[in-house]
C-alpha atoms as a PDB file:
ATOM      1  CA  MET A   1      23.657 104.099 132.449  1.00  0.00           C
ATOM      2  CA  LEU A   2      24.847 108.212 132.919  1.00  0.00           C
ATOM      3  CA  LYS A   3      25.636 107.897 129.076  1.00  0.00           C
ATOM      4  CA  ASP A   4      22.144 107.016 128.565  1.00  0.00           C
ATOM      5  CA  LYS A   5      20.553 109.412 131.014  1.00  0.00           C
ATOM      6  CA  LEU A   6      22.698 111.938 129.448  1.00  0.00           C
ATOM      7  CA  PHE A   7      21.991 111.261 125.788  1.00  0.00           C
ATOM      8  CA  LEU A   8      18.191 111.219 126.678  1.00  0.00           C
ATOM      9  CA  LYS A   9      18.220 114.851 128.462  1.00  0.00           C
ATOM     10  CA  GLY A  10      20.246 115.911 125.605  1.00  0.00           C
ATOM     11  CA  LEU A  11      17.482 115.081 123.099  1.00  0.00           C
ATOM     12  CA  LEU A  12      15.040 116.512 125.543  1.00  0.00           C
ATOM     13  CA  LEU A  13      16.880 120.178 126.055  1.00  0.00           C
ATOM     14  CA  ASP A  14      17.469 119.938 122.194  1.00  0.00           C
ATOM     15  CA  GLY A  15      13.098 119.472 121.561  1.00  0.00           C
ATOM     16  CA  ILE A  16      12.361 122.389 123.723  1.00  0.00           C
ATOM     17  CA  GLY A  17      14.836 124.469 121.978  1.00  0.00           C
ATOM     18  CA  MET A  18      13.437 123.285 118.182  1.00  0.00           C
ATOM     19  CA  VAL A  19       9.571 124.232 119.514  1.00  0.00           C
ATOM     20  CA  THR A  20      10.592 127.897 120.617  1.00  0.00           C
ATOM     21  CA  MET A  21      11.119 127.887 117.036  1.00  0.00           C
ATOM     22  CA  GLY A  22       7.266 126.951 115.831  1.00  0.00           C
ATOM     23  CA  VAL A  23       5.886 129.403 118.137  1.00  0.00           C
ATOM     24  CA  PRO A  24       4.957 132.368 115.943  1.00  0.00           C
ATOM     25  CA  LEU A  25       6.015 135.887 116.643  1.00  0.00           C
ATOM     26  CA  ILE A  26       6.810 135.088 120.951  1.00  0.00           C
ATOM     27  CA  GLY A  27       9.261 132.072 119.403  1.00  0.00           C
ATOM     28  CA  PRO A  28      12.268 134.628 119.753  1.00  0.00           C
ATOM     29  CA  PHE A  29      11.390 136.111 122.614  1.00  0.00           C
ATOM     30  CA  LEU A  30      11.361 132.932 124.225  1.00  0.00           C
ATOM     31  CA  ASP A  31      14.838 131.997 123.135  1.00  0.00           C
ATOM     32  CA  ILE A  32      16.273 135.254 124.851  1.00  0.00           C
ATOM     33  CA  LEU A  33      15.200 133.001 128.469  1.00  0.00           C
ATOM     34  CA  TRP A  34      16.188 129.982 126.982  1.00  0.00           C
ATOM     35  CA  ALA A  35      19.361 130.372 126.320  1.00  0.00           C
ATOM     36  CA  PRO A  36      20.859 131.604 128.998  1.00  0.00           C
ATOM     37  CA  TYR A  37      19.365 128.067 130.754  1.00  0.00           C
ATOM     38  CA  ALA A  38      20.838 126.080 127.718  1.00  0.00           C
ATOM     39  CA  ALA A  39      23.951 127.169 128.300  1.00  0.00           C
ATOM     40  CA  ARG A  40      23.979 126.426 132.383  1.00  0.00           C
ATOM     41  CA  LYS A  41      22.570 122.668 131.738  1.00  0.00           C
ATOM     42  CA  MET A  42      24.960 122.075 129.155  1.00  0.00           C
ATOM     43  CA  ARG A  43      27.819 123.349 131.632  1.00  0.00           C
ATOM     44  CA  GLU A  44      25.992 120.780 134.091  1.00  0.00           C
ATOM     45  CA  MET A  45      26.104 118.221 132.055  1.00  0.00           C
ATOM     46  CA  TYR A  46      29.771 118.461 130.733  1.00  0.00           C
ATOM     47  CA  PRO A  47      32.028 119.529 133.297  1.00  0.00           C
ATOM     48  CA  GLY A  48      35.438 121.097 132.211  1.00  0.00           C
ATOM     49  CA  LYS A  49      36.848 122.887 129.359  1.00  0.00           C
ATOM     50  CA  LYS A  50      34.819 120.930 127.036  1.00  0.00           C
ATOM     51  CA  GLY A  51      31.393 121.947 129.101  1.00  0.00           C
ATOM     52  CA  LYS A  52      32.453 125.583 128.827  1.00  0.00           C
ATOM     53  CA  LEU A  53      32.889 125.571 125.532  1.00  0.00           C
ATOM     54  CA  ALA A  54      30.170 123.460 124.686  1.00  0.00           C
ATOM     55  CA  SER A  55      27.993 126.107 127.413  1.00  0.00           C
ATOM     56  CA  ALA A  56      29.053 129.267 125.111  1.00  0.00           C
ATOM     57  CA  ILE A  57      27.850 127.895 121.529  1.00  0.00           C
ATOM     58  CA  VAL A  58      24.873 126.489 122.781  1.00  0.00           C
ATOM     59  CA  PHE A  59      24.274 130.346 123.805  1.00  0.00           C
ATOM     60  CA  ILE A  60      24.746 131.777 120.928  1.00  0.00           C
ATOM     61  CA  GLU A  61      23.404 129.026 118.743  1.00  0.00           C
ATOM     62  CA  GLU A  62      19.997 129.138 120.808  1.00  0.00           C
ATOM     63  CA  ILE A  63      20.562 133.632 120.763  1.00  0.00           C
ATOM     64  CA  LEU A  64      20.584 133.621 116.835  1.00  0.00           C
ATOM     65  CA  PRO A  65      17.479 133.732 114.916  1.00  0.00           C
ATOM     66  CA  PHE A  66      17.034 130.292 112.810  1.00  0.00           C
ATOM     67  CA  THR A  67      19.934 128.432 114.152  1.00  0.00           C
ATOM     68  CA  ASP A  68      17.192 126.672 116.957  1.00  0.00           C
ATOM     69  CA  ILE A  69      16.987 123.443 114.292  1.00  0.00           C
ATOM     70  CA  VAL A  70      20.827 122.784 115.101  1.00  0.00           C
ATOM     71  CA  PRO A  71      20.747 119.809 117.964  1.00  0.00           C
ATOM     72  CA  THR A  72      23.854 121.169 119.838  1.00  0.00           C
ATOM     73  CA  PHE A  73      23.271 119.068 123.026  1.00  0.00           C
ATOM     74  CA  THR A  74      23.081 115.465 120.714  1.00  0.00           C
ATOM     75  CA  LEU A  75      26.088 116.225 118.951  1.00  0.00           C
ATOM     76  CA  MET A  76      27.853 117.702 122.109  1.00  0.00           C
ATOM     77  CA  TYR A  77      27.181 113.308 123.574  1.00  0.00           C
ATOM     78  CA  LEU A  78      28.378 112.294 119.960  1.00  0.00           C
ATOM     79  CA  TYR A  79      31.509 114.073 120.352  1.00  0.00           C
ATOM     80  CA  THR A  80      32.005 112.957 123.606  1.00  0.00           C
ATOM     81  CA  TYR A  81      30.989 109.777 123.714  1.00  0.00           C
ATOM     82  CA  VAL A  82      31.369 108.626 119.546  1.00  0.00           C
ATOM     83  CA  TYR A  83      34.040 110.220 118.037  1.00  0.00           C
ATOM     84  CA  LYS A  84      36.052 111.080 121.025  1.00  0.00           C
ATOM     85  CA  LYS A  85      35.288 107.967 123.090  1.00  0.00           C
ATOM     86  CA  ASP A  86      35.089 109.404 126.951  1.00  0.00           C
ATOM     87  CA  THR A  87      35.598 106.964 129.266  1.00  0.00           C
ATOM     88  CA  VAL A  88      33.978 107.872 132.254  1.00  0.00           C
ATOM     89  CA  GLY A  89      35.237 105.801 135.538  1.00  0.00           C
ATOM     90  CA  GLN A  90      37.571 103.972 133.228  1.00  0.00           C
ATOM     91  CA  VAL A  91      41.041 102.790 134.813  1.00  0.00           C
ATOM     92  CA  ARG A  92      43.959 102.269 132.155  1.00  0.00           C
ATOM     93  CA  THR A  93      47.329 100.407 132.799  1.00  0.00           C
ATOM     94  CA  ILE A  94      50.099 102.314 131.641  1.00  0.00           C
ATOM     95  CA  GLU A  95      53.394 100.355 131.704  1.00  0.00           C
ATOM     96  CA  VAL A  96      56.679 101.788 132.831  1.00  0.00           C
ATOM     97  CA  GLU A  97      60.171 100.004 131.996  1.00  0.00           C
ATOM     98  CA  SER A  98      62.796 100.645 134.236  1.00  0.00           C
ATOM     99  CA  TRP A  99      66.410 100.114 133.169  1.00  0.00           C
END
């Protein structure tokens, strides 16, 4: 359930970030406001070192011109839950042999 909400929220935030590219003349100035907000949201959605790095990347991606097309939130979701298979709340059993 948490993973689904993160995915949908990421799609929404990526969409909002891409919309600013479609607004002529004002779009780049909207990115100046959007970049810090997007970075904060990324850090909230993905805590820890991974989230801090992703928030820096999304900030740079949103502040640079013509890079709004990159779906950073969706890529972070795919990295976290598909590529790395982050197991939130799952218990792992480690067997230890004694001498």
